[in-house]
Amino acid sequence: MTMTDMKNLERLPVLGKLTPRATNAFWAYDTAALADGAIPKKYKELMAIAVALTTQCGYCIEVHKQAATAAGATEEEFSETVHIAAVLRAGAAITHGTHLLSDPS
């Protein structure tokens, strides 16, 4: 089994059994945060994918892809989401890179 084998997620009930209070609180928060609201669920799932691409969480990418697809996301939307994540990640490198440079004054 690899580190990002989706079968690893089958172990989540063990986590819930060992630490039910924290695990249940996490899942309740997850459900509430991703529910339809002022921002529709499809867009929340696309945002989750962008974050997952940035943090490089293979599990999150797959789980949120499935949820976004169920919410009606298209491949074109996935493609734009990829570029949003890429530009923000690159932008962070560019802006943080300014810390390496001399003060222009």
PDB file of N, CA and C in Angstrom:
ATOM      1  N   MET A   1       0.849  -1.179   0.000  1.00  0.00           N
ATOM      2  CA  MET A   1       0.000   0.000   0.000  1.00  0.00           C
ATOM      3  C   MET A   1       0.894   1.242   0.000  1.00  0.00           C
ATOM      4  N   THR A   2       0.636   2.157  -0.921  1.00  0.00           N
ATOM      5  CA  THR A   2       1.425   3.376  -0.985  1.00  0.00           C
ATOM      6  C   THR A   2       0.865   4.427  -0.039  1.00  0.00           C
ATOM      7  N   MET A   3       1.606   5.499   0.139  1.00  0.00           N
ATOM      8  CA  MET A   3       1.184   6.556   1.047  1.00  0.00           C
ATOM      9  C   MET A   3      -0.158   7.160   0.624  1.00  0.00           C
ATOM     10  N   THR A   4      -0.400   7.265  -0.673  1.00  0.00           N
ATOM     11  CA  THR A   4      -1.657   7.884  -1.121  1.00  0.00           C
ATOM     12  C   THR A   4      -2.634   6.876  -1.722  1.00  0.00           C
ATOM     13  N   ASP A   5      -2.513   5.634  -1.349  1.00  0.00           N
ATOM     14  CA  ASP A   5      -3.477   4.628  -1.783  1.00  0.00           C
ATOM     15  C   ASP A   5      -4.822   4.955  -1.137  1.00  0.00           C
ATOM     16  N   MET A   6      -5.856   5.117  -1.956  1.00  0.00           N
ATOM     17  CA  MET A   6      -7.171   5.491  -1.438  1.00  0.00           C
ATOM     18  C   MET A   6      -7.709   4.475  -0.435  1.00  0.00           C
ATOM     19  N   LYS A   7      -7.180   3.241  -0.457  1.00  0.00           N
ATOM     20  CA  LYS A   7      -7.605   2.234   0.524  1.00  0.00           C
ATOM     21  C   LYS A   7      -7.238   2.656   1.953  1.00  0.00           C
ATOM     22  N   ASN A   8      -6.234   3.527   2.079  1.00  0.00           N
ATOM     23  CA  ASN A   8      -5.876   4.024   3.409  1.00  0.00           C
ATOM     24  C   ASN A   8      -7.055   4.710   4.081  1.00  0.00           C
ATOM     25  N   LEU A   9      -7.932   5.313   3.287  1.00  0.00           N
ATOM     26  CA  LEU A   9      -9.084   6.016   3.854  1.00  0.00           C
ATOM     27  C   LEU A   9     -10.055   5.058   4.537  1.00  0.00           C
ATOM     28  N   GLU A  10      -9.948   3.771   4.232  1.00  0.00           N
ATOM     29  CA  GLU A  10     -10.784   2.778   4.903  1.00  0.00           C
ATOM     30  C   GLU A  10     -10.440   2.674   6.393  1.00  0.00           C
ATOM     31  N   ARG A  11      -9.309   3.242   6.773  1.00  0.00           N
ATOM     32  CA  ARG A  11      -8.887   3.225   8.179  1.00  0.00           C
ATOM     33  C   ARG A  11      -9.471   4.383   8.976  1.00  0.00           C
ATOM     34  N   LEU A  12     -10.166   5.300   8.336  1.00  0.00           N
ATOM     35  CA  LEU A  12     -10.736   6.441   9.054  1.00  0.00           C
ATOM     36  C   LEU A  12     -11.636   6.029  10.216  1.00  0.00           C
ATOM     37  N   PRO A  13     -12.443   4.969  10.101  1.00  0.00           N
ATOM     38  CA  PRO A  13     -13.245   4.564  11.256  1.00  0.00           C
ATOM     39  C   PRO A  13     -12.398   4.210  12.490  1.00  0.00           C
ATOM     40  N   VAL A  14     -11.180   3.731  12.278  1.00  0.00           N
ATOM     41  CA  VAL A  14     -10.295   3.432  13.409  1.00  0.00           C
ATOM     42  C   VAL A  14      -9.959   4.718  14.143  1.00  0.00           C
ATOM     43  N   LEU A  15      -9.670   5.767  13.380  1.00  0.00           N
ATOM     44  CA  LEU A  15      -9.385   7.062  13.987  1.00  0.00           C
ATOM     45  C   LEU A  15     -10.593   7.533  14.803  1.00  0.00           C
ATOM     46  N   GLY A  16     -11.781   7.362  14.226  1.00  0.00           N
ATOM     47  CA  GLY A  16     -13.003   7.739  14.928  1.00  0.00           C
ATOM     48  C   GLY A  16     -13.243   6.932  16.193  1.00  0.00           C
ATOM     49  N   LYS A  17     -12.871   5.678  16.150  1.00  0.00           N
ATOM     50  CA  LYS A  17     -13.042   4.819  17.326  1.00  0.00           C
ATOM     51  C   LYS A  17     -12.068   5.212  18.437  1.00  0.00           C
ATOM     52  N   LEU A  18     -10.837   5.537  18.051  1.00  0.00           N
ATOM     53  CA  LEU A  18      -9.817   5.866  19.039  1.00  0.00           C
ATOM     54  C   LEU A  18      -9.975   7.276  19.614  1.00  0.00           C
ATOM     55  N   THR A  19     -10.438   8.193  18.791  1.00  0.00           N
ATOM     56  CA  THR A  19     -10.610   9.584  19.228  1.00  0.00           C
ATOM     57  C   THR A  19     -11.944  10.123  18.711  1.00  0.00           C
ATOM     58  N   PRO A  20     -13.058   9.592  19.222  1.00  0.00           N
ATOM     59  CA  PRO A  20     -14.365   9.936  18.660  1.00  0.00           C
ATOM     60  C   PRO A  20     -14.746  11.414  18.794  1.00  0.00           C
ATOM     61  N   ARG A  21     -14.429  12.024  19.883  1.00  0.00           N
ATOM     62  CA  ARG A  21     -14.839  13.426  20.078  1.00  0.00           C
ATOM     63  C   ARG A  21     -14.194  14.337  19.037  1.00  0.00           C
ATOM     64  N   ALA A  22     -12.891  14.247  18.899  1.00  0.00           N
ATOM     65  CA  ALA A  22     -12.184  15.097  17.936  1.00  0.00           C
ATOM     66  C   ALA A  22     -12.546  14.729  16.500  1.00  0.00           C
ATOM     67  N   THR A  23     -12.629  13.434  16.217  1.00  0.00           N
ATOM     68  CA  THR A  23     -12.942  12.998  14.861  1.00  0.00           C
ATOM     69  C   THR A  23     -14.345  13.427  14.455  1.00  0.00           C
ATOM     70  N   ASN A  24     -15.317  13.244  15.329  1.00  0.00           N
ATOM     71  CA  ASN A  24     -16.692  13.652  15.020  1.00  0.00           C
ATOM     72  C   ASN A  24     -16.793  15.163  14.851  1.00  0.00           C
ATOM     73  N   ALA A  25     -16.055  15.899  15.671  1.00  0.00           N
ATOM     74  CA  ALA A  25     -16.051  17.358  15.540  1.00  0.00           C
ATOM     75  C   ALA A  25     -15.454  17.768  14.199  1.00  0.00           C
ATOM     76  N   PHE A  26     -14.385  17.097  13.782  1.00  0.00           N
ATOM     77  CA  PHE A  26     -13.782  17.396  12.485  1.00  0.00           C
ATOM     78  C   PHE A  26     -14.774  17.160  11.357  1.00  0.00           C
ATOM     79  N   TRP A  27     -15.444  15.989  11.366  1.00  0.00           N
ATOM     80  CA  TRP A  27     -16.369  15.672  10.272  1.00  0.00           C
ATOM     81  C   TRP A  27     -17.567  16.605  10.266  1.00  0.00           C
ATOM     82  N   ALA A  28     -18.031  17.019  11.437  1.00  0.00           N
ATOM     83  CA  ALA A  28     -19.137  17.984  11.497  1.00  0.00           C
ATOM     84  C   ALA A  28     -18.702  19.325  10.899  1.00  0.00           C
ATOM     85  N   TYR A  29     -17.485  19.747  11.227  1.00  0.00           N
ATOM     86  CA  TYR A  29     -16.951  21.005  10.686  1.00  0.00           C
ATOM     87  C   TYR A  29     -16.769  20.898   9.180  1.00  0.00           C
ATOM     88  N   ASP A  30     -16.222  19.788   8.723  1.00  0.00           N
ATOM     89  CA  ASP A  30     -16.018  19.539   7.291  1.00  0.00           C
ATOM     90  C   ASP A  30     -17.350  19.620   6.545  1.00  0.00           C
ATOM     91  N   THR A  31     -18.358  18.956   7.075  1.00  0.00           N
ATOM     92  CA  THR A  31     -19.674  18.944   6.448  1.00  0.00           C
ATOM     93  C   THR A  31     -20.266  20.346   6.396  1.00  0.00           C
ATOM     94  N   ALA A  32     -20.168  21.076   7.491  1.00  0.00           N
ATOM     95  CA  ALA A  32     -20.726  22.432   7.549  1.00  0.00           C
ATOM     96  C   ALA A  32     -19.992  23.376   6.603  1.00  0.00           C
ATOM     97  N   ALA A  33     -18.670  23.290   6.583  1.00  0.00           N
ATOM     98  CA  ALA A  33     -17.877  24.202   5.753  1.00  0.00           C
ATOM     99  C   ALA A  33     -18.120  23.984   4.268  1.00  0.00           C
ATOM    100  N   LEU A  34     -18.353  22.748   3.858  1.00  0.00           N
ATOM    101  CA  LEU A  34     -18.503  22.435   2.438  1.00  0.00           C
ATOM    102  C   LEU A  34     -19.953  22.397   1.962  1.00  0.00           C
ATOM    103  N   ALA A  35     -20.894  22.657   2.865  1.00  0.00           N
ATOM    104  CA  ALA A  35     -22.316  22.632   2.492  1.00  0.00           C
ATOM    105  C   ALA A  35     -22.662  23.862   1.642  1.00  0.00           C
ATOM    106  N   ASP A  36     -23.732  23.730   0.870  1.00  0.00           N
ATOM    107  CA  ASP A  36     -24.251  24.874   0.128  1.00  0.00           C
ATOM    108  C   ASP A  36     -24.499  26.028   1.089  1.00  0.00           C
ATOM    109  N   GLY A  37     -24.168  27.199   0.659  1.00  0.00           N
ATOM    110  CA  GLY A  37     -24.394  28.393   1.467  1.00  0.00           C
ATOM    111  C   GLY A  37     -24.338  29.595   0.559  1.00  0.00           C
ATOM    112  N   ALA A  38     -23.772  30.693   1.042  1.00  0.00           N
ATOM    113  CA  ALA A  38     -23.599  31.875   0.195  1.00  0.00           C
ATOM    114  C   ALA A  38     -22.754  31.510  -1.027  1.00  0.00           C
ATOM    115  N   ILE A  39     -21.840  30.569  -0.831  1.00  0.00           N
ATOM    116  CA  ILE A  39     -21.043  30.024  -1.935  1.00  0.00           C
ATOM    117  C   ILE A  39     -21.614  28.642  -2.243  1.00  0.00           C
ATOM    118  N   PRO A  40     -22.025  28.402  -3.492  1.00  0.00           N
ATOM    119  CA  PRO A  40     -22.573  27.084  -3.839  1.00  0.00           C
ATOM    120  C   PRO A  40     -21.550  25.961  -3.644  1.00  0.00           C
ATOM    121  N   LYS A  41     -22.052  24.777  -3.348  1.00  0.00           N
ATOM    122  CA  LYS A  41     -21.196  23.621  -3.069  1.00  0.00           C
ATOM    123  C   LYS A  41     -20.185  23.370  -4.186  1.00  0.00           C
ATOM    124  N   LYS A  42     -20.609  23.480  -5.450  1.00  0.00           N
ATOM    125  CA  LYS A  42     -19.677  23.226  -6.552  1.00  0.00           C
ATOM    126  C   LYS A  42     -18.448  24.127  -6.438  1.00  0.00           C
ATOM    127  N   TYR A  43     -18.659  25.389  -6.137  1.00  0.00           N
ATOM    128  CA  TYR A  43     -17.527  26.317  -6.043  1.00  0.00           C
ATOM    129  C   TYR A  43     -16.671  26.037  -4.808  1.00  0.00           C
ATOM    130  N   LYS A  44     -17.307  25.622  -3.728  1.00  0.00           N
ATOM    131  CA  LYS A  44     -16.538  25.245  -2.539  1.00  0.00           C
ATOM    132  C   LYS A  44     -15.644  24.045  -2.846  1.00  0.00           C
ATOM    133  N   GLU A  45     -16.187  23.084  -3.578  1.00  0.00           N
ATOM    134  CA  GLU A  45     -15.394  21.899  -3.925  1.00  0.00           C
ATOM    135  C   GLU A  45     -14.241  22.262  -4.863  1.00  0.00           C
ATOM    136  N   LEU A  46     -14.489  23.188  -5.805  1.00  0.00           N
ATOM    137  CA  LEU A  46     -13.403  23.637  -6.681  1.00  0.00           C
ATOM    138  C   LEU A  46     -12.331  24.377  -5.876  1.00  0.00           C
ATOM    139  N   MET A  47     -12.754  25.167  -4.886  1.00  0.00           N
ATOM    140  CA  MET A  47     -11.770  25.823  -4.007  1.00  0.00           C
ATOM    141  C   MET A  47     -10.980  24.777  -3.227  1.00  0.00           C
ATOM    142  N   ALA A  48     -11.666  23.745  -2.765  1.00  0.00           N
ATOM    143  CA  ALA A  48     -10.987  22.685  -2.028  1.00  0.00           C
ATOM    144  C   ALA A  48      -9.957  21.988  -2.913  1.00  0.00           C
ATOM    145  N   ILE A  49     -10.290  21.795  -4.179  1.00  0.00           N
ATOM    146  CA  ILE A  49      -9.334  21.189  -5.110  1.00  0.00           C
ATOM    147  C   ILE A  49      -8.121  22.099  -5.284  1.00  0.00           C
ATOM    148  N   ALA A  50      -8.350  23.396  -5.438  1.00  0.00           N
ATOM    149  CA  ALA A  50      -7.230  24.328  -5.595  1.00  0.00           C
ATOM    150  C   ALA A  50      -6.307  24.284  -4.380  1.00  0.00           C
ATOM    151  N   VAL A  51      -6.887  24.246  -3.197  1.00  0.00           N
ATOM    152  CA  VAL A  51      -6.077  24.156  -1.979  1.00  0.00           C
ATOM    153  C   VAL A  51      -5.338  22.819  -1.952  1.00  0.00           C
ATOM    154  N   ALA A  52      -6.032  21.746  -2.288  1.00  0.00           N
ATOM    155  CA  ALA A  52      -5.419  20.417  -2.280  1.00  0.00           C
ATOM    156  C   ALA A  52      -4.284  20.308  -3.283  1.00  0.00           C
ATOM    157  N   LEU A  53      -4.447  20.955  -4.442  1.00  0.00           N
ATOM    158  CA  LEU A  53      -3.356  20.964  -5.413  1.00  0.00           C
ATOM    159  C   LEU A  53      -2.156  21.732  -4.858  1.00  0.00           C
ATOM    160  N   THR A  54      -2.422  22.794  -4.125  1.00  0.00           N
ATOM    161  CA  THR A  54      -1.348  23.599  -3.546  1.00  0.00           C
ATOM    162  C   THR A  54      -0.643  22.852  -2.419  1.00  0.00           C
ATOM    163  N   THR A  55      -1.426  22.167  -1.568  1.00  0.00           N
ATOM    164  CA  THR A  55      -0.827  21.407  -0.465  1.00  0.00           C
ATOM    165  C   THR A  55      -0.360  20.030  -0.916  1.00  0.00           C
ATOM    166  N   GLN A  56      -0.757  19.654  -2.121  1.00  0.00           N
ATOM    167  CA  GLN A  56      -0.405  18.385  -2.749  1.00  0.00           C
ATOM    168  C   GLN A  56      -0.900  17.176  -1.948  1.00  0.00           C
ATOM    169  N   CYS A  57      -2.150  17.269  -1.518  1.00  0.00           N
ATOM    170  CA  CYS A  57      -2.791  16.151  -0.815  1.00  0.00           C
ATOM    171  C   CYS A  57      -3.565  15.317  -1.831  1.00  0.00           C
ATOM    172  N   GLY A  58      -2.995  14.182  -2.203  1.00  0.00           N
ATOM    173  CA  GLY A  58      -3.627  13.312  -3.186  1.00  0.00           C
ATOM    174  C   GLY A  58      -5.009  12.847  -2.783  1.00  0.00           C
ATOM    175  N   TYR A  59      -5.195  12.572  -1.497  1.00  0.00           N
ATOM    176  CA  TYR A  59      -6.507  12.147  -1.023  1.00  0.00           C
ATOM    177  C   TYR A  59      -7.528  13.259  -1.236  1.00  0.00           C
ATOM    178  N   CYS A  60      -7.154  14.467  -0.828  1.00  0.00           N
ATOM    179  CA  CYS A  60      -8.073  15.601  -0.935  1.00  0.00           C
ATOM    180  C   CYS A  60      -8.428  15.889  -2.389  1.00  0.00           C
ATOM    181  N   ILE A  61      -7.432  15.810  -3.260  1.00  0.00           N
ATOM    182  CA  ILE A  61      -7.693  16.046  -4.678  1.00  0.00           C
ATOM    183  C   ILE A  61      -8.759  15.077  -5.168  1.00  0.00           C
ATOM    184  N   GLU A  62      -8.605  13.807  -4.876  1.00  0.00           N
ATOM    185  CA  GLU A  62      -9.547  12.793  -5.358  1.00  0.00           C
ATOM    186  C   GLU A  62     -10.919  12.926  -4.716  1.00  0.00           C
ATOM    187  N   VAL A  63     -10.967  13.082  -3.408  1.00  0.00           N
ATOM    188  CA  VAL A  63     -12.253  13.179  -2.708  1.00  0.00           C
ATOM    189  C   VAL A  63     -13.024  14.407  -3.183  1.00  0.00           C
ATOM    190  N   HIS A  64     -12.343  15.536  -3.307  1.00  0.00           N
ATOM    191  CA  HIS A  64     -13.037  16.759  -3.717  1.00  0.00           C
ATOM    192  C   HIS A  64     -13.343  16.773  -5.207  1.00  0.00           C
ATOM    193  N   LYS A  65     -12.562  16.056  -6.014  1.00  0.00           N
ATOM    194  CA  LYS A  65     -12.895  15.905  -7.431  1.00  0.00           C
ATOM    195  C   LYS A  65     -14.222  15.160  -7.552  1.00  0.00           C
ATOM    196  N   GLN A  66     -14.362  14.083  -6.793  1.00  0.00           N
ATOM    197  CA  GLN A  66     -15.606  13.316  -6.833  1.00  0.00           C
ATOM    198  C   GLN A  66     -16.790  14.172  -6.393  1.00  0.00           C
ATOM    199  N   ALA A  67     -16.606  14.940  -5.321  1.00  0.00           N
ATOM    200  CA  ALA A  67     -17.697  15.791  -4.822  1.00  0.00           C
ATOM    201  C   ALA A  67     -18.011  16.915  -5.805  1.00  0.00           C
ATOM    202  N   ALA A  68     -16.979  17.501  -6.409  1.00  0.00           N
ATOM    203  CA  ALA A  68     -17.197  18.571  -7.385  1.00  0.00           C
ATOM    204  C   ALA A  68     -17.915  18.030  -8.615  1.00  0.00           C
ATOM    205  N   THR A  69     -17.536  16.844  -9.055  1.00  0.00           N
ATOM    206  CA  THR A  69     -18.196  16.221 -10.198  1.00  0.00           C
ATOM    207  C   THR A  69     -19.674  15.989  -9.885  1.00  0.00           C
ATOM    208  N   ALA A  70     -19.952  15.487  -8.703  1.00  0.00           N
ATOM    209  CA  ALA A  70     -21.341  15.257  -8.291  1.00  0.00           C
ATOM    210  C   ALA A  70     -22.124  16.568  -8.213  1.00  0.00           C
ATOM    211  N   ALA A  71     -21.408  17.663  -7.920  1.00  0.00           N
ATOM    212  CA  ALA A  71     -22.052  18.979  -7.828  1.00  0.00           C
ATOM    213  C   ALA A  71     -22.137  19.669  -9.191  1.00  0.00           C
ATOM    214  N   GLY A  72     -21.656  18.990 -10.242  1.00  0.00           N
ATOM    215  CA  GLY A  72     -21.806  19.528 -11.589  1.00  0.00           C
ATOM    216  C   GLY A  72     -20.585  20.190 -12.191  1.00  0.00           C
ATOM    217  N   ALA A  73     -19.426  20.059 -11.561  1.00  0.00           N
ATOM    218  CA  ALA A  73     -18.212  20.675 -12.106  1.00  0.00           C
ATOM    219  C   ALA A  73     -17.822  20.013 -13.422  1.00  0.00           C
ATOM    220  N   THR A  74     -17.276  20.810 -14.307  1.00  0.00           N
ATOM    221  CA  THR A  74     -16.867  20.327 -15.627  1.00  0.00           C
ATOM    222  C   THR A  74     -15.349  20.222 -15.712  1.00  0.00           C
ATOM    223  N   GLU A  75     -14.877  19.548 -16.744  1.00  0.00           N
ATOM    224  CA  GLU A  75     -13.433  19.449 -16.947  1.00  0.00           C
ATOM    225  C   GLU A  75     -12.821  20.821 -17.224  1.00  0.00           C
ATOM    226  N   GLU A  76     -13.560  21.690 -17.881  1.00  0.00           N
ATOM    227  CA  GLU A  76     -13.068  23.052 -18.102  1.00  0.00           C
ATOM    228  C   GLU A  76     -12.873  23.772 -16.772  1.00  0.00           C
ATOM    229  N   GLU A  77     -13.809  23.576 -15.842  1.00  0.00           N
ATOM    230  CA  GLU A  77     -13.663  24.185 -14.514  1.00  0.00           C
ATOM    231  C   GLU A  77     -12.484  23.583 -13.767  1.00  0.00           C
ATOM    232  N   PHE A  78     -12.289  22.270 -13.890  1.00  0.00           N
ATOM    233  CA  PHE A  78     -11.117  21.647 -13.272  1.00  0.00           C
ATOM    234  C   PHE A  78      -9.836  22.230 -13.857  1.00  0.00           C
ATOM    235  N   SER A  79      -9.814  22.415 -15.156  1.00  0.00           N
ATOM    236  CA  SER A  79      -8.626  22.952 -15.813  1.00  0.00           C
ATOM    237  C   SER A  79      -8.308  24.354 -15.308  1.00  0.00           C
ATOM    238  N   GLU A  80      -9.320  25.205 -15.206  1.00  0.00           N
ATOM    239  CA  GLU A  80      -9.089  26.558 -14.684  1.00  0.00           C
ATOM    240  C   GLU A  80      -8.643  26.503 -13.230  1.00  0.00           C
ATOM    241  N   THR A  81      -9.203  25.572 -12.458  1.00  0.00           N
ATOM    242  CA  THR A  81      -8.817  25.417 -11.054  1.00  0.00           C
ATOM    243  C   THR A  81      -7.346  25.052 -10.936  1.00  0.00           C
ATOM    244  N   VAL A  82      -6.871  24.183 -11.819  1.00  0.00           N
ATOM    245  CA  VAL A  82      -5.454  23.805 -11.833  1.00  0.00           C
ATOM    246  C   VAL A  82      -4.591  25.052 -12.018  1.00  0.00           C
ATOM    247  N   HIS A  83      -4.980  25.905 -12.948  1.00  0.00           N
ATOM    248  CA  HIS A  83      -4.169  27.095 -13.222  1.00  0.00           C
ATOM    249  C   HIS A  83      -4.243  28.115 -12.081  1.00  0.00           C
ATOM    250  N   ILE A  84      -5.378  28.209 -11.421  1.00  0.00           N
ATOM    251  CA  ILE A  84      -5.478  29.093 -10.257  1.00  0.00           C
ATOM    252  C   ILE A  84      -4.509  28.629  -9.176  1.00  0.00           C
ATOM    253  N   ALA A  85      -4.522  27.323  -8.891  1.00  0.00           N
ATOM    254  CA  ALA A  85      -3.604  26.784  -7.878  1.00  0.00           C
ATOM    255  C   ALA A  85      -2.159  27.005  -8.283  1.00  0.00           C
ATOM    256  N   ALA A  86      -1.850  26.778  -9.551  1.00  0.00           N
ATOM    257  CA  ALA A  86      -0.472  26.923 -10.027  1.00  0.00           C
ATOM    258  C   ALA A  86       0.012  28.362  -9.918  1.00  0.00           C
ATOM    259  N   VAL A  87      -0.814  29.308 -10.323  1.00  0.00           N
ATOM    260  CA  VAL A  87      -0.380  30.701 -10.290  1.00  0.00           C
ATOM    261  C   VAL A  87      -0.231  31.203  -8.856  1.00  0.00           C
ATOM    262  N   LEU A  88      -1.098  30.739  -7.948  1.00  0.00           N
ATOM    263  CA  LEU A  88      -0.958  31.165  -6.551  1.00  0.00           C
ATOM    264  C   LEU A  88       0.287  30.565  -5.914  1.00  0.00           C
ATOM    265  N   ARG A  89       0.557  29.319  -6.237  1.00  0.00           N
ATOM    266  CA  ARG A  89       1.768  28.694  -5.694  1.00  0.00           C
ATOM    267  C   ARG A  89       3.014  29.378  -6.247  1.00  0.00           C
ATOM    268  N   ALA A  90       3.007  29.660  -7.540  1.00  0.00           N
ATOM    269  CA  ALA A  90       4.140  30.365  -8.141  1.00  0.00           C
ATOM    270  C   ALA A  90       4.230  31.787  -7.610  1.00  0.00           C
ATOM    271  N   GLY A  91       3.092  32.433  -7.458  1.00  0.00           N
ATOM    272  CA  GLY A  91       3.080  33.801  -6.925  1.00  0.00           C
ATOM    273  C   GLY A  91       3.667  33.881  -5.528  1.00  0.00           C
ATOM    274  N   ALA A  92       3.410  32.866  -4.726  1.00  0.00           N
ATOM    275  CA  ALA A  92       3.983  32.843  -3.380  1.00  0.00           C
ATOM    276  C   ALA A  92       5.504  32.760  -3.442  1.00  0.00           C
ATOM    277  N   ALA A  93       6.023  31.965  -4.377  1.00  0.00           N
ATOM    278  CA  ALA A  93       7.480  31.878  -4.537  1.00  0.00           C
ATOM    279  C   ALA A  93       8.052  33.221  -4.974  1.00  0.00           C
ATOM    280  N   ILE A  94       7.375  33.889  -5.902  1.00  0.00           N
ATOM    281  CA  ILE A  94       7.845  35.185  -6.391  1.00  0.00           C
ATOM    282  C   ILE A  94       7.826  36.220  -5.271  1.00  0.00           C
ATOM    283  N   THR A  95       6.693  36.342  -4.587  1.00  0.00           N
ATOM    284  CA  THR A  95       6.597  37.379  -3.561  1.00  0.00           C
ATOM    285  C   THR A  95       7.483  37.096  -2.352  1.00  0.00           C
ATOM    286  N   HIS A  96       7.593  35.838  -1.950  1.00  0.00           N
ATOM    287  CA  HIS A  96       8.479  35.517  -0.840  1.00  0.00           C
ATOM    288  C   HIS A  96       9.944  35.634  -1.261  1.00  0.00           C
ATOM    289  N   GLY A  97      10.201  35.485  -2.549  1.00  0.00           N
ATOM    290  CA  GLY A  97      11.558  35.667  -3.057  1.00  0.00           C
ATOM    291  C   GLY A  97      12.087  37.066  -2.860  1.00  0.00           C
ATOM    292  N   THR A  98      11.166  38.037  -2.714  1.00  0.00           N
ATOM    293  CA  THR A  98      11.613  39.419  -2.486  1.00  0.00           C
ATOM    294  C   THR A  98      12.348  39.558  -1.166  1.00  0.00           C
ATOM    295  N   HIS A  99      12.152  38.621  -0.251  1.00  0.00           N
ATOM    296  CA  HIS A  99      12.848  38.653   1.039  1.00  0.00           C
ATOM    297  C   HIS A  99      14.354  38.446   0.854  1.00  0.00           C
ATOM    298  N   LEU A 100      14.729  37.893  -0.274  1.00  0.00           N
ATOM    299  CA  LEU A 100      16.140  37.621  -0.555  1.00  0.00           C
ATOM    300  C   LEU A 100      16.866  38.825  -1.134  1.00  0.00           C
ATOM    301  N   LEU A 101      16.133  39.824  -1.546  1.00  0.00           N
ATOM    302  CA  LEU A 101      16.697  40.944  -2.279  1.00  0.00           C
ATOM    303  C   LEU A 101      17.014  42.121  -1.356  1.00  0.00           C
ATOM    304  N   SER A 102      17.931  42.947  -1.818  1.00  0.00           N
ATOM    305  CA  SER A 102      18.288  44.155  -1.075  1.00  0.00           C
ATOM    306  C   SER A 102      17.149  45.138  -1.096  1.00  0.00           C
ATOM    307  N   ASP A 103      17.053  45.933  -0.051  1.00  0.00           N
ATOM    308  CA  ASP A 103      16.062  46.996   0.021  1.00  0.00           C
ATOM    309  C   ASP A 103      16.398  48.036  -1.024  1.00  0.00           C
ATOM    310  N   PRO A 104      15.441  48.425  -1.892  1.00  0.00           N
ATOM    311  CA  PRO A 104      15.759  49.358  -2.974  1.00  0.00           C
ATOM    312  C   PRO A 104      16.040  50.781  -2.514  1.00  0.00           C
ATOM    313  N   SER A 105      15.771  51.110  -1.256  1.00  0.00           N
ATOM    314  CA  SER A 105      15.981  52.495  -0.827  1.00  0.00           C
ATOM    315  C   SER A 105      17.370  52.802  -0.366  1.00  0.00           C
TER     316      SER A 105
END
